[in-house]
Each structure stands twice: as structure tokens, then as C-alpha cells.
Amino acid sequence: MWKVNEIFHSLQGEGYNTGTASVFIRLSGCNLRCDFCDTRHDEGTMMSLPEIVEQVMHYPKAPLIVLTGGEPSLWIDEDFVAGLKAMTGKRIAIETNGTCPLPQGIDWVTLSPKTDIGNSGDTPVVLTSCDELKVVYLGQDLAQYDNITATHRYLQPCWTEDPEKRKHNLQVTVQAVMEHPQWRLSLQTHRILGIK
């Protein structure tokens, strides 16, 4: 059984797969508590894999499942990933803070480490490779990510409800990308479009 915060159909709003129709499985709970997190960690429904698959298959045309949270790597294993793929026929992506090892079988790994931001404390990032490295940027030293092998690197300005802080975060991130062109800008397009 897995504690599921929500399952919904939308467009991937961030990173390499921006604009891709996806089914999001948001799992409850995280080993970090970042101030900007959009998950209500105390809410959720215990669901079996067949119940999760039933909800996912309400959206048969979406080619991608995105496991997100919270921190989905706390709850999933190889059997879960293999079962989800076999029963849905969809590709599986994960958005992870990288503090836990990942099971085999995931098709796309988005690593979004929360070092130097949020409430990561002493929890180290253990993943050293990913498909995309997506850093929520607040001016932290980018050299700390040099040891991570990533096909794609993105800096994403930290979203805040305060318009002035949001504008500042965007300006700082744009400047960082211009100074470090191995990184690309990622925007939370779902927020810009007003979709989930």
C-alpha cells in the first residue's frame, strides 16, 4: 500500500519534458521539509497498486507517468515500478531530491537536490547521475553539483507568492545561466499557464 496525495492529469511544467501530457502520482511524505514545497504531507489515501493503476488509466493517452511528492523514492521499489509499467504501458519518470537510492526500471530521472535551500539539514544527496539535474536556484554555489553526471542541467527560479521576491529570483537565475552556460533556464510553465 502507498500513501497517495493525489493522482492527476496535466502537462509536465518543468525541465526537459515541459509540455508533455503526463499523469502525476504525488506520494505523501518527505525526508526534507522545504518551505516552498507544494505537497500537503499529512494528506493522502492508502492505495494498492491496482487502485493506483485504475486511476492512472483514466488517462490512457498520456504517455508518461511522473512519480513526485514529497519524496517518492522513500516509498517505491522495483516491484512497484515494474508493475506500474506492465499494467499501464507508460514510461515512468521520477522527480527526486536524490537522498535515497532509486530502484531499477525508471525511464527518466529528474534530480532536484535541495542542498543549501529548504530544510535539508545534514541529509546528503546520494545519487550521482541522472537524466536531468534541476536545481531550484536561490543563489547557491553551483560548484557543489559538479560531481553529478547529468545529460541536461537546469536552473529554476524558486517560486514564491511574493511578486517582488519572485521577480528577484528570476533575475538572479537568468544571470546565473548567462554566467554558467552549461545550465539552461527552466520555468514552472504550469504556474504561468494557471494549470495544475
N, C-alpha and C. Protein backbone atom coordinates (compact mmCIF):
# COMPACT_ATOMS: atom_id res chain seq x y z
N MET A 1 0.84 -1.19 0.00
CA MET A 1 0.00 0.00 0.00
C MET A 1 0.89 1.25 0.00
N TRP A 2 0.42 2.27 -0.71
CA TRP A 2 1.16 3.51 -0.83
C TRP A 2 0.25 4.67 -0.45
N LYS A 3 0.79 5.66 0.27
CA LYS A 3 0.00 6.84 0.65
C LYS A 3 0.10 7.85 -0.48
N VAL A 4 -1.01 8.01 -1.17
CA VAL A 4 -1.06 8.86 -2.36
C VAL A 4 -1.75 10.17 -2.01
N ASN A 5 -1.05 11.26 -2.24
CA ASN A 5 -1.61 12.59 -2.01
C ASN A 5 -2.64 12.92 -3.08
N GLU A 6 -2.28 12.64 -4.35
CA GLU A 6 -3.20 12.87 -5.46
C GLU A 6 -2.66 12.22 -6.72
N ILE A 7 -3.57 11.93 -7.63
CA ILE A 7 -3.24 11.48 -8.98
C ILE A 7 -4.00 12.39 -9.92
N PHE A 8 -3.27 13.02 -10.85
CA PHE A 8 -3.93 13.97 -11.75
C PHE A 8 -3.25 13.98 -13.11
N HIS A 9 -3.98 14.48 -14.08
CA HIS A 9 -3.55 14.54 -15.49
C HIS A 9 -3.28 15.99 -15.83
N SER A 10 -2.10 16.27 -16.35
CA SER A 10 -1.76 17.65 -16.73
C SER A 10 -0.59 17.60 -17.69
N LEU A 11 0.01 18.75 -17.92
CA LEU A 11 1.25 18.84 -18.69
C LEU A 11 2.42 18.94 -17.72
N GLN A 12 3.51 18.25 -18.05
CA GLN A 12 4.73 18.46 -17.27
C GLN A 12 5.12 19.92 -17.45
N GLY A 13 5.29 20.63 -16.35
CA GLY A 13 5.51 22.06 -16.41
C GLY A 13 6.96 22.50 -16.35
N GLU A 14 7.89 21.56 -16.06
CA GLU A 14 9.26 21.95 -15.79
C GLU A 14 10.25 21.06 -16.53
N GLY A 15 11.45 21.60 -16.75
CA GLY A 15 12.56 20.80 -17.23
C GLY A 15 12.42 20.29 -18.65
N TYR A 16 13.14 19.21 -18.93
CA TYR A 16 13.26 18.68 -20.28
C TYR A 16 11.91 18.28 -20.89
N ASN A 17 11.04 17.68 -20.09
CA ASN A 17 9.76 17.18 -20.59
C ASN A 17 8.63 18.21 -20.54
N THR A 18 8.96 19.49 -20.41
CA THR A 18 7.95 20.53 -20.38
C THR A 18 7.00 20.39 -21.56
N GLY A 19 5.71 20.45 -21.27
CA GLY A 19 4.69 20.38 -22.31
C GLY A 19 4.20 18.98 -22.62
N THR A 20 4.78 17.95 -22.00
CA THR A 20 4.37 16.57 -22.26
C THR A 20 3.16 16.22 -21.42
N ALA A 21 2.11 15.69 -22.06
CA ALA A 21 0.95 15.21 -21.32
C ALA A 21 1.38 14.08 -20.40
N SER A 22 1.03 14.20 -19.12
CA SER A 22 1.52 13.26 -18.11
C SER A 22 0.45 12.99 -17.07
N VAL A 23 0.57 11.81 -16.45
CA VAL A 23 -0.22 11.50 -15.26
C VAL A 23 0.73 11.59 -14.07
N PHE A 24 0.39 12.43 -13.12
CA PHE A 24 1.23 12.64 -11.95
C PHE A 24 0.70 11.81 -10.79
N ILE A 25 1.58 11.03 -10.19
CA ILE A 25 1.27 10.31 -8.96
C ILE A 25 2.08 10.99 -7.86
N ARG A 26 1.38 11.79 -7.05
CA ARG A 26 2.05 12.53 -5.98
C ARG A 26 1.92 11.72 -4.69
N LEU A 27 3.05 11.23 -4.21
CA LEU A 27 3.07 10.46 -2.97
C LEU A 27 3.28 11.39 -1.78
N SER A 28 2.67 11.07 -0.66
CA SER A 28 2.77 11.90 0.54
C SER A 28 4.05 11.60 1.30
N GLY A 29 4.54 12.59 1.99
CA GLY A 29 5.69 12.40 2.86
C GLY A 29 7.01 12.73 2.20
N CYS A 30 7.94 13.22 3.02
CA CYS A 30 9.27 13.58 2.53
C CYS A 30 10.22 13.55 3.71
N ASN A 31 11.49 13.30 3.41
CA ASN A 31 12.51 13.36 4.45
C ASN A 31 13.09 14.77 4.60
N LEU A 32 12.66 15.70 3.77
CA LEU A 32 13.01 17.11 3.90
C LEU A 32 11.71 17.90 4.04
N ARG A 33 11.80 19.09 4.56
CA ARG A 33 10.62 19.94 4.67
C ARG A 33 10.94 21.34 4.15
N CYS A 34 10.96 21.46 2.83
CA CYS A 34 11.30 22.74 2.21
C CYS A 34 10.11 23.70 2.30
N ASP A 35 10.41 24.95 2.58
CA ASP A 35 9.36 25.96 2.77
C ASP A 35 8.50 26.13 1.53
N PHE A 36 9.08 25.92 0.35
CA PHE A 36 8.37 26.19 -0.90
C PHE A 36 7.65 24.96 -1.46
N CYS A 37 7.66 23.84 -0.73
CA CYS A 37 7.05 22.61 -1.23
C CYS A 37 5.55 22.78 -1.41
N ASP A 38 5.01 22.19 -2.49
CA ASP A 38 3.58 22.32 -2.77
C ASP A 38 2.78 21.08 -2.37
N THR A 39 3.36 20.18 -1.59
CA THR A 39 2.67 18.97 -1.17
C THR A 39 2.22 19.10 0.29
N ARG A 40 0.97 18.72 0.54
CA ARG A 40 0.46 18.65 1.92
C ARG A 40 0.80 17.25 2.43
N HIS A 41 1.88 17.13 3.18
CA HIS A 41 2.44 15.84 3.54
C HIS A 41 1.54 15.02 4.45
N ASP A 42 0.65 15.65 5.19
CA ASP A 42 -0.21 14.91 6.11
C ASP A 42 -1.44 14.34 5.42
N GLU A 43 -1.71 14.78 4.20
CA GLU A 43 -2.89 14.32 3.49
C GLU A 43 -2.54 13.16 2.56
N GLY A 44 -3.48 12.29 2.35
CA GLY A 44 -3.25 11.19 1.43
C GLY A 44 -4.19 10.03 1.71
N THR A 45 -4.28 9.15 0.73
CA THR A 45 -5.12 7.96 0.82
C THR A 45 -4.25 6.74 0.57
N MET A 46 -4.37 5.74 1.42
CA MET A 46 -3.63 4.50 1.22
C MET A 46 -4.25 3.76 0.03
N MET A 47 -3.41 3.44 -0.96
CA MET A 47 -3.90 2.80 -2.18
C MET A 47 -3.01 1.62 -2.54
N SER A 48 -3.62 0.57 -3.09
CA SER A 48 -2.87 -0.56 -3.61
C SER A 48 -2.41 -0.23 -5.03
N LEU A 49 -1.48 -1.03 -5.56
CA LEU A 49 -1.02 -0.81 -6.92
C LEU A 49 -2.18 -0.91 -7.93
N PRO A 50 -3.06 -1.92 -7.84
CA PRO A 50 -4.19 -1.95 -8.78
C PRO A 50 -5.09 -0.72 -8.70
N GLU A 51 -5.28 -0.18 -7.50
CA GLU A 51 -6.08 1.04 -7.36
C GLU A 51 -5.39 2.23 -8.01
N ILE A 52 -4.07 2.32 -7.84
CA ILE A 52 -3.31 3.39 -8.48
C ILE A 52 -3.40 3.27 -9.99
N VAL A 53 -3.21 2.05 -10.51
CA VAL A 53 -3.27 1.82 -11.96
C VAL A 53 -4.65 2.18 -12.49
N GLU A 54 -5.69 1.83 -11.76
CA GLU A 54 -7.06 2.17 -12.21
C GLU A 54 -7.21 3.68 -12.39
N GLN A 55 -6.69 4.46 -11.44
CA GLN A 55 -6.76 5.92 -11.55
C GLN A 55 -5.93 6.44 -12.72
N VAL A 56 -4.72 5.89 -12.87
CA VAL A 56 -3.84 6.32 -13.96
C VAL A 56 -4.49 6.06 -15.32
N MET A 57 -5.19 4.93 -15.44
CA MET A 57 -5.75 4.54 -16.73
C MET A 57 -7.02 5.30 -17.09
N HIS A 58 -7.43 6.23 -16.23
CA HIS A 58 -8.48 7.18 -16.63
C HIS A 58 -7.95 8.11 -17.72
N TYR A 59 -6.63 8.12 -17.90
CA TYR A 59 -5.96 8.99 -18.87
C TYR A 59 -5.11 8.12 -19.80
N PRO A 60 -5.74 7.31 -20.65
CA PRO A 60 -4.99 6.32 -21.44
C PRO A 60 -4.04 6.91 -22.48
N LYS A 61 -4.29 8.13 -22.92
CA LYS A 61 -3.46 8.71 -23.98
C LYS A 61 -2.17 9.33 -23.47
N ALA A 62 -2.10 9.66 -22.19
CA ALA A 62 -0.89 10.28 -21.65
C ALA A 62 0.26 9.27 -21.69
N PRO A 63 1.38 9.62 -22.34
CA PRO A 63 2.47 8.65 -22.50
C PRO A 63 3.38 8.50 -21.28
N LEU A 64 3.27 9.42 -20.32
CA LEU A 64 4.26 9.49 -19.24
C LEU A 64 3.57 9.53 -17.88
N ILE A 65 4.11 8.75 -16.94
CA ILE A 65 3.74 8.84 -15.53
C ILE A 65 4.89 9.53 -14.82
N VAL A 66 4.57 10.53 -14.00
CA VAL A 66 5.58 11.22 -13.21
C VAL A 66 5.34 10.91 -11.74
N LEU A 67 6.30 10.23 -11.12
CA LEU A 67 6.25 9.96 -9.69
C LEU A 67 6.87 11.17 -8.99
N THR A 68 6.09 11.80 -8.12
CA THR A 68 6.54 13.02 -7.48
C THR A 68 6.09 13.01 -6.03
N GLY A 69 6.33 14.07 -5.34
CA GLY A 69 5.95 14.11 -3.93
C GLY A 69 5.90 15.52 -3.43
N GLY A 70 6.35 15.66 -2.23
CA GLY A 70 7.14 14.85 -1.35
C GLY A 70 8.35 14.20 -2.02
N GLU A 71 8.75 13.09 -1.44
CA GLU A 71 9.89 12.34 -1.95
C GLU A 71 9.48 10.91 -2.27
N PRO A 72 9.20 10.63 -3.56
CA PRO A 72 8.68 9.31 -3.93
C PRO A 72 9.65 8.16 -3.70
N SER A 73 10.95 8.43 -3.69
CA SER A 73 11.91 7.34 -3.53
C SER A 73 11.84 6.70 -2.14
N LEU A 74 11.18 7.34 -1.19
CA LEU A 74 11.02 6.76 0.14
C LEU A 74 10.08 5.55 0.12
N TRP A 75 9.22 5.47 -0.90
CA TRP A 75 8.12 4.51 -0.87
C TRP A 75 8.16 3.47 -1.98
N ILE A 76 8.85 3.74 -3.08
CA ILE A 76 8.75 2.84 -4.23
C ILE A 76 9.90 1.83 -4.25
N ASP A 77 9.66 0.71 -4.95
CA ASP A 77 10.70 -0.30 -5.13
C ASP A 77 10.58 -0.84 -6.56
N GLU A 78 11.44 -1.80 -6.91
CA GLU A 78 11.46 -2.33 -8.27
C GLU A 78 10.14 -2.99 -8.64
N ASP A 79 9.51 -3.69 -7.70
CA ASP A 79 8.23 -4.34 -7.98
C ASP A 79 7.15 -3.31 -8.32
N PHE A 80 7.15 -2.19 -7.59
CA PHE A 80 6.18 -1.13 -7.86
C PHE A 80 6.39 -0.56 -9.26
N VAL A 81 7.63 -0.23 -9.59
CA VAL A 81 7.94 0.36 -10.90
C VAL A 81 7.61 -0.62 -12.02
N ALA A 82 8.03 -1.88 -11.87
CA ALA A 82 7.77 -2.89 -12.90
C ALA A 82 6.29 -3.13 -13.08
N GLY A 83 5.55 -3.20 -11.98
CA GLY A 83 4.11 -3.41 -12.05
C GLY A 83 3.39 -2.25 -12.70
N LEU A 84 3.79 -1.04 -12.35
CA LEU A 84 3.17 0.16 -12.91
C LEU A 84 3.40 0.22 -14.42
N LYS A 85 4.63 -0.09 -14.85
CA LYS A 85 4.93 -0.09 -16.29
C LYS A 85 4.15 -1.18 -17.02
N ALA A 86 4.13 -2.38 -16.45
CA ALA A 86 3.48 -3.52 -17.11
C ALA A 86 1.97 -3.31 -17.23
N MET A 87 1.37 -2.73 -16.19
CA MET A 87 -0.09 -2.60 -16.17
C MET A 87 -0.60 -1.37 -16.91
N THR A 88 0.29 -0.40 -17.17
CA THR A 88 -0.16 0.83 -17.85
C THR A 88 0.43 0.98 -19.25
N GLY A 89 1.59 0.37 -19.50
CA GLY A 89 2.28 0.55 -20.78
C GLY A 89 2.88 1.93 -20.95
N LYS A 90 3.01 2.67 -19.87
CA LYS A 90 3.53 4.03 -19.95
C LYS A 90 4.98 4.10 -19.47
N ARG A 91 5.70 5.14 -19.91
CA ARG A 91 7.04 5.41 -19.41
C ARG A 91 6.92 5.99 -18.00
N ILE A 92 7.94 5.73 -17.18
CA ILE A 92 7.93 6.18 -15.79
C ILE A 92 9.06 7.18 -15.59
N ALA A 93 8.69 8.35 -15.08
CA ALA A 93 9.66 9.37 -14.70
C ALA A 93 9.54 9.60 -13.19
N ILE A 94 10.62 10.08 -12.60
CA ILE A 94 10.58 10.40 -11.17
C ILE A 94 11.23 11.76 -10.96
N GLU A 95 10.67 12.50 -10.01
CA GLU A 95 11.27 13.74 -9.53
C GLU A 95 11.70 13.49 -8.09
N THR A 96 13.01 13.55 -7.84
CA THR A 96 13.56 13.15 -6.55
C THR A 96 14.57 14.16 -6.04
N ASN A 97 14.67 14.24 -4.71
CA ASN A 97 15.70 15.10 -4.12
C ASN A 97 17.05 14.40 -4.07
N GLY A 98 17.08 13.11 -4.42
CA GLY A 98 18.35 12.40 -4.55
C GLY A 98 18.95 11.88 -3.27
N THR A 99 18.20 11.91 -2.18
CA THR A 99 18.74 11.48 -0.90
C THR A 99 18.58 9.99 -0.64
N CYS A 100 17.88 9.29 -1.55
CA CYS A 100 17.68 7.84 -1.42
C CYS A 100 18.04 7.17 -2.75
N PRO A 101 18.57 5.95 -2.71
CA PRO A 101 18.80 5.22 -3.96
C PRO A 101 17.49 4.96 -4.68
N LEU A 102 17.56 4.81 -5.99
CA LEU A 102 16.36 4.56 -6.79
C LEU A 102 16.33 3.11 -7.26
N PRO A 103 15.12 2.55 -7.39
CA PRO A 103 15.02 1.20 -7.94
C PRO A 103 15.28 1.20 -9.44
N GLN A 104 15.58 0.03 -9.98
CA GLN A 104 15.77 -0.13 -11.42
C GLN A 104 14.44 0.04 -12.14
N GLY A 105 14.52 0.35 -13.43
CA GLY A 105 13.33 0.37 -14.27
C GLY A 105 12.73 1.73 -14.53
N ILE A 106 13.22 2.78 -13.88
CA ILE A 106 12.69 4.13 -14.11
C ILE A 106 13.28 4.65 -15.42
N ASP A 107 12.42 5.20 -16.28
CA ASP A 107 12.86 5.63 -17.61
C ASP A 107 13.51 7.01 -17.63
N TRP A 108 13.13 7.88 -16.70
CA TRP A 108 13.65 9.26 -16.70
C TRP A 108 13.80 9.73 -15.26
N VAL A 109 15.00 10.15 -14.90
CA VAL A 109 15.26 10.62 -13.54
C VAL A 109 15.55 12.11 -13.56
N THR A 110 14.70 12.85 -12.85
CA THR A 110 14.94 14.27 -12.62
C THR A 110 15.42 14.41 -11.18
N LEU A 111 16.67 14.81 -11.03
CA LEU A 111 17.25 15.01 -9.71
C LEU A 111 17.18 16.50 -9.37
N SER A 112 16.50 16.80 -8.27
CA SER A 112 16.36 18.18 -7.82
C SER A 112 16.85 18.28 -6.37
N PRO A 113 18.18 18.37 -6.19
CA PRO A 113 18.73 18.40 -4.83
C PRO A 113 18.34 19.68 -4.11
N LYS A 114 18.16 19.57 -2.81
CA LYS A 114 17.75 20.73 -2.03
C LYS A 114 18.84 21.18 -1.07
N THR A 115 20.10 20.90 -1.43
CA THR A 115 21.22 21.35 -0.61
C THR A 115 21.31 22.88 -0.63
N ASP A 116 21.58 23.45 0.51
CA ASP A 116 21.71 24.90 0.70
C ASP A 116 20.40 25.67 0.57
N ILE A 117 19.29 24.96 0.42
CA ILE A 117 17.98 25.61 0.42
C ILE A 117 17.03 24.71 1.20
N GLY A 118 15.85 25.21 1.51
CA GLY A 118 14.90 24.37 2.22
C GLY A 118 15.43 23.97 3.59
N ASN A 119 15.04 22.78 4.03
CA ASN A 119 15.44 22.29 5.34
C ASN A 119 16.15 20.95 5.19
N SER A 120 17.16 20.91 4.31
CA SER A 120 17.84 19.65 4.02
C SER A 120 18.70 19.18 5.18
N GLY A 121 19.11 20.09 6.06
CA GLY A 121 19.92 19.71 7.20
C GLY A 121 21.17 18.95 6.77
N ASP A 122 21.39 17.81 7.39
CA ASP A 122 22.57 17.00 7.10
C ASP A 122 22.26 15.84 6.17
N THR A 123 21.12 15.87 5.50
CA THR A 123 20.73 14.76 4.62
C THR A 123 21.49 14.88 3.30
N PRO A 124 22.43 13.97 3.03
CA PRO A 124 23.24 14.11 1.81
C PRO A 124 22.53 13.59 0.57
N VAL A 125 22.91 14.12 -0.57
CA VAL A 125 22.46 13.60 -1.86
C VAL A 125 23.33 12.38 -2.17
N VAL A 126 22.67 11.24 -2.45
CA VAL A 126 23.41 10.01 -2.73
C VAL A 126 23.44 9.67 -4.22
N LEU A 127 22.53 10.25 -4.99
CA LEU A 127 22.54 9.99 -6.43
C LEU A 127 23.69 10.77 -7.08
N THR A 128 24.37 10.13 -7.99
CA THR A 128 25.49 10.79 -8.67
C THR A 128 25.27 10.91 -10.17
N SER A 129 24.15 10.39 -10.67
CA SER A 129 23.83 10.54 -12.10
C SER A 129 22.33 10.61 -12.29
N CYS A 130 21.93 11.26 -13.38
CA CYS A 130 20.51 11.45 -13.66
C CYS A 130 20.35 11.85 -15.12
N ASP A 131 19.13 11.84 -15.58
CA ASP A 131 18.86 12.35 -16.93
C ASP A 131 18.87 13.87 -16.93
N GLU A 132 18.23 14.45 -15.92
CA GLU A 132 18.28 15.91 -15.81
C GLU A 132 18.49 16.31 -14.36
N LEU A 133 19.34 17.30 -14.19
CA LEU A 133 19.60 17.91 -12.90
C LEU A 133 18.86 19.25 -12.91
N LYS A 134 17.88 19.37 -12.00
CA LYS A 134 17.06 20.58 -11.97
C LYS A 134 17.21 21.22 -10.58
N VAL A 135 17.91 22.32 -10.55
CA VAL A 135 18.22 22.98 -9.28
C VAL A 135 17.28 24.17 -9.07
N VAL A 136 16.54 24.13 -7.97
CA VAL A 136 15.76 25.31 -7.56
C VAL A 136 16.78 26.32 -7.05
N TYR A 137 16.88 27.44 -7.77
CA TYR A 137 18.01 28.34 -7.57
C TYR A 137 17.66 29.53 -6.69
N LEU A 138 18.49 29.71 -5.67
CA LEU A 138 18.39 30.87 -4.78
C LEU A 138 19.75 31.51 -4.58
N GLY A 139 20.65 31.31 -5.56
CA GLY A 139 21.98 31.91 -5.48
C GLY A 139 23.04 31.00 -4.89
N GLN A 140 22.73 29.73 -4.64
CA GLN A 140 23.71 28.83 -4.04
C GLN A 140 24.86 28.55 -5.02
N ASP A 141 25.98 28.08 -4.47
CA ASP A 141 27.18 27.78 -5.24
C ASP A 141 26.92 26.58 -6.15
N LEU A 142 27.05 26.78 -7.45
CA LEU A 142 26.77 25.72 -8.42
C LEU A 142 27.87 24.68 -8.48
N ALA A 143 29.04 24.99 -7.97
CA ALA A 143 30.15 24.04 -8.00
C ALA A 143 29.83 22.78 -7.21
N GLN A 144 28.92 22.86 -6.26
CA GLN A 144 28.57 21.69 -5.45
C GLN A 144 27.88 20.59 -6.27
N TYR A 145 27.44 20.92 -7.48
CA TYR A 145 26.77 19.94 -8.34
C TYR A 145 27.68 19.38 -9.43
N ASP A 146 28.95 19.79 -9.42
CA ASP A 146 29.88 19.36 -10.46
C ASP A 146 30.11 17.85 -10.48
N ASN A 147 29.94 17.19 -9.34
CA ASN A 147 30.18 15.74 -9.27
C ASN A 147 28.99 14.91 -9.73
N ILE A 148 27.90 15.56 -10.11
CA ILE A 148 26.70 14.86 -10.58
C ILE A 148 26.73 14.79 -12.10
N THR A 149 26.65 13.59 -12.63
CA THR A 149 26.59 13.39 -14.08
C THR A 149 25.15 13.55 -14.53
N ALA A 150 24.92 14.48 -15.45
CA ALA A 150 23.56 14.75 -15.93
C ALA A 150 23.60 15.06 -17.42
N THR A 151 22.67 14.48 -18.15
CA THR A 151 22.58 14.77 -19.58
C THR A 151 22.13 16.21 -19.81
N HIS A 152 21.25 16.69 -18.93
CA HIS A 152 20.72 18.06 -19.03
C HIS A 152 20.81 18.71 -17.65
N ARG A 153 21.12 20.02 -17.65
CA ARG A 153 21.22 20.78 -16.40
C ARG A 153 20.31 22.01 -16.49
N TYR A 154 19.46 22.17 -15.49
CA TYR A 154 18.52 23.29 -15.47
C TYR A 154 18.60 24.03 -14.15
N LEU A 155 18.53 25.36 -14.24
CA LEU A 155 18.33 26.20 -13.07
C LEU A 155 16.91 26.73 -13.14
N GLN A 156 16.22 26.63 -12.03
CA GLN A 156 14.82 27.06 -11.97
C GLN A 156 14.65 28.06 -10.84
N PRO A 157 14.16 29.26 -11.14
CA PRO A 157 13.97 30.23 -10.07
C PRO A 157 12.95 29.72 -9.05
N CYS A 158 13.26 29.92 -7.78
CA CYS A 158 12.35 29.48 -6.72
C CYS A 158 11.07 30.31 -6.77
N TRP A 159 9.95 29.62 -6.82
CA TRP A 159 8.65 30.28 -6.87
C TRP A 159 8.27 30.76 -5.48
N THR A 160 7.71 31.94 -5.42
CA THR A 160 7.17 32.48 -4.18
C THR A 160 5.92 33.27 -4.52
N GLU A 161 5.01 33.36 -3.57
CA GLU A 161 3.79 34.14 -3.80
C GLU A 161 4.06 35.64 -3.82
N ASP A 162 5.18 36.06 -3.25
CA ASP A 162 5.54 37.48 -3.23
C ASP A 162 6.08 37.88 -4.61
N PRO A 163 5.36 38.77 -5.34
CA PRO A 163 5.78 39.11 -6.70
C PRO A 163 7.18 39.73 -6.78
N GLU A 164 7.55 40.52 -5.78
CA GLU A 164 8.88 41.15 -5.80
C GLU A 164 9.98 40.11 -5.61
N LYS A 165 9.78 39.19 -4.67
CA LYS A 165 10.76 38.12 -4.47
C LYS A 165 10.83 37.22 -5.70
N ARG A 166 9.67 36.95 -6.30
CA ARG A 166 9.62 36.11 -7.49
C ARG A 166 10.41 36.75 -8.63
N LYS A 167 10.24 38.06 -8.82
CA LYS A 167 10.97 38.79 -9.85
C LYS A 167 12.46 38.76 -9.58
N HIS A 168 12.83 38.95 -8.32
CA HIS A 168 14.25 38.90 -7.93
C HIS A 168 14.84 37.52 -8.21
N ASN A 169 14.13 36.47 -7.81
CA ASN A 169 14.62 35.11 -8.02
C ASN A 169 14.82 34.81 -9.50
N LEU A 170 13.91 35.30 -10.34
CA LEU A 170 14.03 35.10 -11.78
C LEU A 170 15.27 35.83 -12.32
N GLN A 171 15.47 37.08 -11.90
CA GLN A 171 16.62 37.85 -12.38
C GLN A 171 17.94 37.20 -11.98
N VAL A 172 18.02 36.72 -10.75
CA VAL A 172 19.23 36.06 -10.25
C VAL A 172 19.50 34.78 -11.04
N THR A 173 18.44 34.06 -11.35
CA THR A 173 18.59 32.79 -12.08
C THR A 173 19.01 33.03 -13.52
N VAL A 174 18.40 34.00 -14.18
CA VAL A 174 18.78 34.34 -15.55
C VAL A 174 20.26 34.74 -15.59
N GLN A 175 20.70 35.56 -14.65
CA GLN A 175 22.09 35.99 -14.61
C GLN A 175 23.02 34.79 -14.40
N ALA A 176 22.62 33.86 -13.54
CA ALA A 176 23.44 32.67 -13.28
C ALA A 176 23.59 31.82 -14.54
N VAL A 177 22.51 31.67 -15.30
CA VAL A 177 22.57 30.88 -16.54
C VAL A 177 23.48 31.57 -17.55
N MET A 178 23.43 32.88 -17.61
CA MET A 178 24.30 33.61 -18.54
C MET A 178 25.77 33.47 -18.15
N GLU A 179 26.03 33.39 -16.86
CA GLU A 179 27.40 33.24 -16.39
C GLU A 179 27.88 31.79 -16.42
N HIS A 180 26.96 30.84 -16.43
CA HIS A 180 27.27 29.40 -16.42
C HIS A 180 26.47 28.73 -17.52
N PRO A 181 26.88 28.89 -18.79
CA PRO A 181 26.06 28.44 -19.92
C PRO A 181 25.91 26.93 -20.06
N GLN A 182 26.55 26.13 -19.20
CA GLN A 182 26.29 24.70 -19.21
C GLN A 182 24.92 24.39 -18.59
N TRP A 183 24.33 25.40 -17.96
CA TRP A 183 22.99 25.29 -17.39
C TRP A 183 21.99 25.96 -18.33
N ARG A 184 20.74 25.50 -18.30
CA ARG A 184 19.65 26.13 -19.05
C ARG A 184 18.58 26.56 -18.07
N LEU A 185 17.76 27.51 -18.48
CA LEU A 185 16.68 28.03 -17.64
C LEU A 185 15.46 27.11 -17.74
N SER A 186 14.91 26.76 -16.60
CA SER A 186 13.63 26.05 -16.52
C SER A 186 12.64 26.94 -15.79
N LEU A 187 11.48 27.13 -16.38
CA LEU A 187 10.42 27.89 -15.73
C LEU A 187 9.27 26.96 -15.37
N GLN A 188 8.54 27.28 -14.32
CA GLN A 188 7.38 26.48 -13.95
C GLN A 188 6.21 26.94 -14.82
N THR A 189 6.17 26.38 -16.03
CA THR A 189 5.18 26.86 -17.01
C THR A 189 3.75 26.56 -16.56
N HIS A 190 3.55 25.53 -15.75
CA HIS A 190 2.19 25.25 -15.28
C HIS A 190 1.67 26.40 -14.40
N ARG A 191 2.58 27.04 -13.65
CA ARG A 191 2.15 28.19 -12.86
C ARG A 191 1.86 29.38 -13.77
N ILE A 192 2.68 29.58 -14.78
CA ILE A 192 2.48 30.67 -15.73
C ILE A 192 1.16 30.50 -16.47
N LEU A 193 0.85 29.24 -16.84
CA LEU A 193 -0.38 28.96 -17.58
C LEU A 193 -1.62 28.86 -16.69
N GLY A 194 -1.40 28.76 -15.38
CA GLY A 194 -2.53 28.63 -14.46
C GLY A 194 -3.16 27.25 -14.49
N ILE A 195 -2.34 26.21 -14.75
CA ILE A 195 -2.86 24.83 -14.73
C ILE A 195 -2.18 24.09 -13.60
N LYS A 196 -2.70 22.93 -13.26
CA LYS A 196 -2.15 22.13 -12.17
C LYS A 196 -0.85 21.48 -12.60
